[in-house]
Amino acid sequence: MSVLITCDELAAALAGPQPPIVLDARYNLMGPDGRQEFLDGHIPGARWVDVDHELAAPAGEGGRHPLPDPEVFLTAMRRVGLTTDRPVVCTDGGSALGAARLWWMLTDAGLTEVRVLDGGFTAWREAGLEVASGADQGWEPSVIKLTPGQRSRVDADQLAGRVLVDVRTPERFAGESEPIDPVAGHIPGALNLPAAGSFAEGRFRPATELAEHFADLPENPVVYCGSGITAAQTLLAMEAAGRTDGTLYAGSWSDWITDPTRPVATGRS
């Protein structure tokens, strides 16, 4: 079963005997959170998850979006009524950024039936499927237990000798442009494989094309971006291509540069 699900597949599943729980992690990197967008329109029955406050800790030494305290995440998942007896579909506005972060965290916590809606709510609306609006409601909080730590992850002190893959744009990787972080450049020795290469026309590329995209990537890469969000999106694309050997550097570049003694490289090679 693919880690991605299409709108038609999700619509059929929602009409079935064991409908999935749909979690909407609408997210805007450079703007306000996606709560208002969710209120304006979402998949019927979807439950809102706040990326900045429930899927990340406050910015600081761990970067701009460090992983949250496990209890914060557990409380959020209980709030949305998550259970272990129903599959989960993660979605967002269409970027797969918030959805991939949520997918990574849920699978890291031990859940196995977790998929991401390809194209997100944008694809759902374009398909002419039913849309709801207003506050999410209609379920009871749960008492689910989660066990984070099931997936491979590293911190800055564990990068030596690893294959590092930076999925930011070539301009940010090279240090030619840095619109977000106070230091430009990349971790010395990292390869650049921009995340945009996994997409075509607002959807993930087909699995065969994704496999070609990642074909030259060495085994067991550590994937990073600016703050760990887009890196999770790339790990999702890798799994859609059949590769499960990627490791997340959750703090990513914004964590690396919190220590001024760490080296910084520039240039495109």
Protein backbone atom coordinates (compact mmCIF):
# COMPACT_ATOMS: atom_id res chain seq x y z
CA MET A 1 0.00 0.00 0.00
CA SER A 2 1.38 3.38 -0.98
CA VAL A 3 1.97 6.01 1.68
CA LEU A 4 -0.01 8.32 -0.61
CA ILE A 5 -3.76 8.18 -1.21
CA THR A 6 -5.73 9.81 -4.02
CA CYS A 7 -8.89 11.86 -3.59
CA ASP A 8 -11.03 9.14 -5.17
CA GLU A 9 -9.52 6.51 -2.88
CA LEU A 10 -10.12 8.67 0.17
CA ALA A 11 -13.71 9.45 -0.84
CA ALA A 12 -14.41 5.72 -1.22
CA ALA A 13 -12.76 4.95 2.12
CA LEU A 14 -14.79 7.63 3.91
CA ALA A 15 -17.96 5.98 2.62
CA GLY A 16 -16.81 2.55 3.76
CA PRO A 17 -17.42 0.58 6.95
CA GLN A 18 -14.21 1.73 8.68
CA PRO A 19 -13.59 5.29 7.49
CA PRO A 20 -10.18 6.76 8.20
CA ILE A 21 -9.64 9.65 10.58
CA VAL A 22 -8.68 12.67 8.48
CA LEU A 23 -6.26 15.09 10.13
CA ASP A 24 -5.76 18.46 8.47
CA ALA A 25 -2.37 20.07 9.20
CA ARG A 26 -2.85 23.14 7.01
CA TYR A 27 0.37 25.12 7.15
CA ASN A 28 1.92 28.33 5.78
CA LEU A 29 5.68 28.64 6.20
CA MET A 30 5.84 32.42 5.81
CA GLY A 31 2.34 33.42 6.88
CA PRO A 32 -0.37 32.83 9.50
CA ASP A 33 -1.27 29.29 10.47
CA GLY A 34 -3.84 27.53 8.32
CA ARG A 35 -6.64 27.56 10.88
CA GLN A 36 -8.73 30.14 9.01
CA GLU A 37 -8.21 28.32 5.73
CA PHE A 38 -9.42 25.15 7.44
CA LEU A 39 -12.52 26.94 8.74
CA ASP A 40 -13.26 28.27 5.27
CA GLY A 41 -13.22 24.80 3.71
CA HIS A 42 -12.07 21.27 4.52
CA ILE A 43 -12.83 17.62 3.92
CA PRO A 44 -15.99 16.68 5.83
CA GLY A 45 -15.10 15.25 9.20
CA ALA A 46 -11.49 16.43 9.08
CA ARG A 47 -9.88 17.42 12.35
CA TRP A 48 -7.54 20.39 12.63
CA VAL A 49 -3.95 19.99 13.86
CA ASP A 50 -1.76 23.02 14.60
CA VAL A 51 1.71 22.52 13.09
CA ASP A 52 3.42 25.34 14.97
CA HIS A 53 2.09 24.47 18.43
CA GLU A 54 1.24 20.76 18.35
CA LEU A 55 3.79 19.39 15.88
CA ALA A 56 6.68 21.64 16.89
CA ALA A 57 8.22 23.14 20.00
CA PRO A 58 9.01 26.86 20.27
CA ALA A 59 11.94 28.01 18.17
CA GLY A 60 15.27 28.06 19.95
CA GLU A 61 18.41 25.98 20.25
CA GLY A 62 16.74 23.13 18.34
CA GLY A 63 15.98 25.33 15.34
CA ARG A 64 12.82 26.96 14.04
CA HIS A 65 10.59 23.86 14.30
CA PRO A 66 12.12 21.41 16.77
CA LEU A 67 10.10 18.31 17.53
CA PRO A 68 7.68 18.95 20.40
CA ASP A 69 7.71 17.38 23.81
CA PRO A 70 6.09 13.93 23.38
CA GLU A 71 3.37 14.88 25.88
CA VAL A 72 2.38 17.90 23.78
CA PHE A 73 1.97 15.68 20.72
CA LEU A 74 0.12 13.02 22.72
CA THR A 75 -2.29 15.61 24.08
CA ALA A 76 -2.97 16.89 20.56
CA MET A 77 -3.64 13.42 19.20
CA ARG A 78 -5.98 12.67 22.07
CA ARG A 79 -7.74 15.97 21.44
CA VAL A 80 -8.52 14.97 17.85
CA GLY A 81 -9.77 11.57 18.97
CA LEU A 82 -7.03 9.47 17.40
CA THR A 83 -7.41 5.73 17.95
CA THR A 84 -5.41 2.68 16.92
CA ASP A 85 -8.34 0.84 15.34
CA ARG A 86 -8.86 3.23 12.42
CA PRO A 87 -6.45 4.27 9.66
CA VAL A 88 -5.32 7.88 9.44
CA VAL A 89 -5.08 10.17 6.42
CA CYS A 90 -3.03 13.34 6.81
CA THR A 91 -3.76 16.31 4.61
CA ASP A 92 -3.11 20.03 4.32
CA GLY A 93 -3.70 22.74 1.75
CA GLY A 94 -1.77 20.86 -0.91
CA SER A 95 1.92 21.41 -0.22
CA ALA A 96 2.25 18.18 1.79
CA LEU A 97 4.45 20.09 4.25
CA GLY A 98 2.23 19.94 7.32
CA ALA A 99 0.79 16.59 6.24
CA ALA A 100 4.24 15.02 5.87
CA ARG A 101 5.38 16.34 9.25
CA LEU A 102 2.28 14.79 10.84
CA TRP A 103 2.76 11.54 8.90
CA TRP A 104 6.38 11.30 10.06
CA MET A 105 5.45 11.95 13.68
CA LEU A 106 2.58 9.46 13.70
CA THR A 107 4.65 6.71 12.14
CA ASP A 108 7.53 7.58 14.46
CA ALA A 109 5.07 7.09 17.32
CA GLY A 110 4.25 3.56 16.16
CA LEU A 111 1.17 3.92 13.97
CA THR A 112 1.34 1.88 10.77
CA GLU A 113 -1.82 2.76 8.82
CA VAL A 114 -1.00 6.38 8.04
CA ARG A 115 -1.21 7.89 4.56
CA VAL A 116 -1.02 11.37 3.04
CA LEU A 117 -3.60 12.78 0.62
CA ASP A 118 -1.77 13.54 -2.62
CA GLY A 119 -2.54 17.14 -3.55
CA GLY A 120 -4.26 17.81 -0.23
CA PHE A 121 -7.40 19.87 0.09
CA THR A 122 -6.65 21.70 -3.17
CA ALA A 123 -6.91 18.43 -5.08
CA TRP A 124 -10.03 17.45 -3.13
CA ARG A 125 -11.79 20.69 -4.03
CA GLU A 126 -10.66 20.53 -7.65
CA ALA A 127 -12.13 17.03 -7.87
CA GLY A 128 -15.54 18.47 -7.03
CA LEU A 129 -15.90 16.46 -3.85
CA GLU A 130 -17.97 17.54 -0.85
CA VAL A 131 -16.54 20.38 1.22
CA ALA A 132 -17.41 21.34 4.79
CA SER A 133 -16.72 24.60 6.62
CA GLY A 134 -16.66 25.85 10.17
CA ALA A 135 -15.12 24.36 13.28
CA ASP A 136 -14.13 20.73 13.44
CA GLN A 137 -16.48 18.77 15.70
CA GLY A 138 -18.33 15.51 16.18
CA TRP A 139 -15.97 13.17 18.04
CA GLU A 140 -14.85 12.34 21.56
CA PRO A 141 -11.28 12.79 22.80
CA SER A 142 -9.35 9.55 23.02
CA VAL A 143 -6.95 7.90 25.46
CA ILE A 144 -4.52 6.65 22.82
CA LYS A 145 -0.98 5.80 23.87
CA LEU A 146 1.91 6.64 21.55
CA THR A 147 5.57 5.66 21.65
CA PRO A 148 7.75 8.18 19.76
CA GLY A 149 11.18 7.04 18.61
CA GLN A 150 10.29 4.35 16.08
CA ARG A 151 11.88 6.11 13.10
CA SER A 152 15.51 6.95 12.41
CA ARG A 153 16.54 10.45 13.46
CA VAL A 154 19.77 12.25 14.33
CA ASP A 155 20.88 15.45 15.97
CA ALA A 156 23.77 17.74 15.06
CA ASP A 157 26.29 15.69 17.03
CA GLN A 158 25.48 12.54 15.05
CA LEU A 159 26.14 13.81 11.53
CA ALA A 160 29.84 13.00 11.23
CA GLY A 161 30.47 10.39 8.55
CA ARG A 162 26.88 10.39 7.32
CA VAL A 163 25.62 11.11 3.81
CA LEU A 164 23.86 14.47 4.16
CA VAL A 165 21.16 15.58 1.73
CA ASP A 166 19.99 19.19 1.76
CA VAL A 167 16.57 19.52 0.08
CA ARG A 168 16.37 23.32 0.02
CA THR A 169 16.54 25.28 -3.21
CA PRO A 170 19.92 25.52 -4.96
CA GLU A 171 20.10 29.24 -4.12
CA ARG A 172 19.67 28.62 -0.39
CA PHE A 173 22.02 25.64 -0.44
CA ALA A 174 24.71 27.71 -2.13
CA GLY A 175 24.26 30.63 0.24
CA GLU A 176 23.29 32.92 -2.64
CA SER A 177 19.91 33.67 -1.05
CA GLU A 178 18.62 33.16 2.49
CA PRO A 179 15.17 34.65 3.13
CA ILE A 180 14.56 32.99 6.49
CA ASP A 181 17.62 32.02 8.52
CA PRO A 182 20.33 34.45 9.76
CA VAL A 183 23.20 32.47 8.22
CA ALA A 184 23.38 31.39 4.58
CA GLY A 185 24.99 28.25 3.20
CA HIS A 186 24.91 24.52 3.96
CA ILE A 187 26.50 21.86 6.11
CA PRO A 188 29.93 20.99 4.63
CA GLY A 189 29.85 17.83 2.52
CA ALA A 190 26.09 17.86 1.98
CA LEU A 191 24.52 17.02 -1.39
CA ASN A 192 21.75 19.18 -2.79
CA LEU A 193 18.57 17.46 -3.99
CA PRO A 194 15.80 20.09 -4.01
CA ALA A 195 12.43 18.90 -2.72
CA ALA A 196 10.66 20.47 -5.69
CA GLY A 197 11.97 17.63 -7.85
CA SER A 198 9.49 15.27 -6.20
CA PHE A 199 6.51 17.17 -7.60
CA ALA A 200 4.77 17.89 -10.86
CA GLU A 201 1.67 20.06 -11.20
CA GLY A 202 0.89 20.08 -7.49
CA ARG A 203 1.11 16.32 -6.99
CA PHE A 204 3.86 13.89 -6.11
CA ARG A 205 5.38 12.41 -9.23
CA PRO A 206 4.48 8.76 -9.97
CA ALA A 207 6.39 6.16 -7.96
CA THR A 208 8.51 5.13 -10.95
CA GLU A 209 9.58 8.73 -11.55
CA LEU A 210 10.29 9.25 -7.86
CA ALA A 211 12.45 6.13 -7.90
CA GLU A 212 14.46 7.65 -10.76
CA HIS A 213 14.68 10.95 -8.90
CA PHE A 214 16.26 9.23 -5.89
CA ALA A 215 18.21 6.61 -7.85
CA ASP A 216 21.60 8.27 -7.40
CA LEU A 217 21.05 8.99 -3.72
CA PRO A 218 23.44 6.91 -1.59
CA GLU A 219 22.02 4.48 0.95
CA ASN A 220 21.00 5.65 4.43
CA PRO A 221 20.99 9.39 3.77
CA VAL A 222 20.34 11.98 6.44
CA VAL A 223 17.83 14.45 5.05
CA TYR A 224 17.62 18.05 6.19
CA CYS A 225 16.12 21.36 5.08
CA GLY A 226 15.67 24.69 6.82
CA SER A 227 13.78 23.52 9.90
CA GLY A 228 12.85 19.86 9.38
CA ILE A 229 9.44 20.31 7.75
CA THR A 230 10.40 19.95 4.08
CA ALA A 231 12.82 17.17 5.02
CA ALA A 232 9.85 15.11 6.24
CA GLN A 233 8.13 15.83 2.92
CA THR A 234 11.17 14.39 1.10
CA LEU A 235 11.20 11.30 3.33
CA LEU A 236 7.54 10.80 2.40
CA ALA A 237 8.46 11.02 -1.30
CA MET A 238 11.25 8.52 -0.76
CA GLU A 239 8.84 6.06 0.83
CA ALA A 240 6.39 6.58 -2.03
CA ALA A 241 9.29 5.51 -4.26
CA GLY A 242 9.90 2.42 -2.14
CA ARG A 243 12.86 3.70 -0.11
CA THR A 244 12.68 3.51 3.67
CA ASP A 245 16.34 4.16 4.46
CA GLY A 246 16.16 7.91 5.05
CA THR A 247 16.93 9.55 8.39
CA LEU A 248 15.57 12.90 9.56
CA TYR A 249 17.74 15.66 10.96
CA ALA A 250 14.79 17.34 12.61
CA GLY A 251 16.58 20.54 13.61
CA SER A 252 18.06 20.92 10.14
CA TRP A 253 19.92 24.05 9.01
CA SER A 254 18.21 26.34 11.53
CA ASP A 255 19.54 24.13 14.33
CA TRP A 256 23.01 23.68 12.82
CA ILE A 257 23.66 27.42 12.79
CA THR A 258 22.70 27.95 16.44
CA ASP A 259 26.27 26.95 17.31
CA PRO A 260 28.67 29.50 15.73
CA THR A 261 31.56 27.03 15.98
CA ARG A 262 29.97 24.67 13.46
CA PRO A 263 31.39 25.05 9.95
CA VAL A 264 29.38 26.52 7.09
CA ALA A 265 29.94 25.90 3.38
CA THR A 266 28.75 27.93 0.38
CA GLY A 267 28.65 27.27 -3.34
CA ARG A 268 26.73 24.72 -5.37
CA SER A 269 29.15 21.85 -5.00
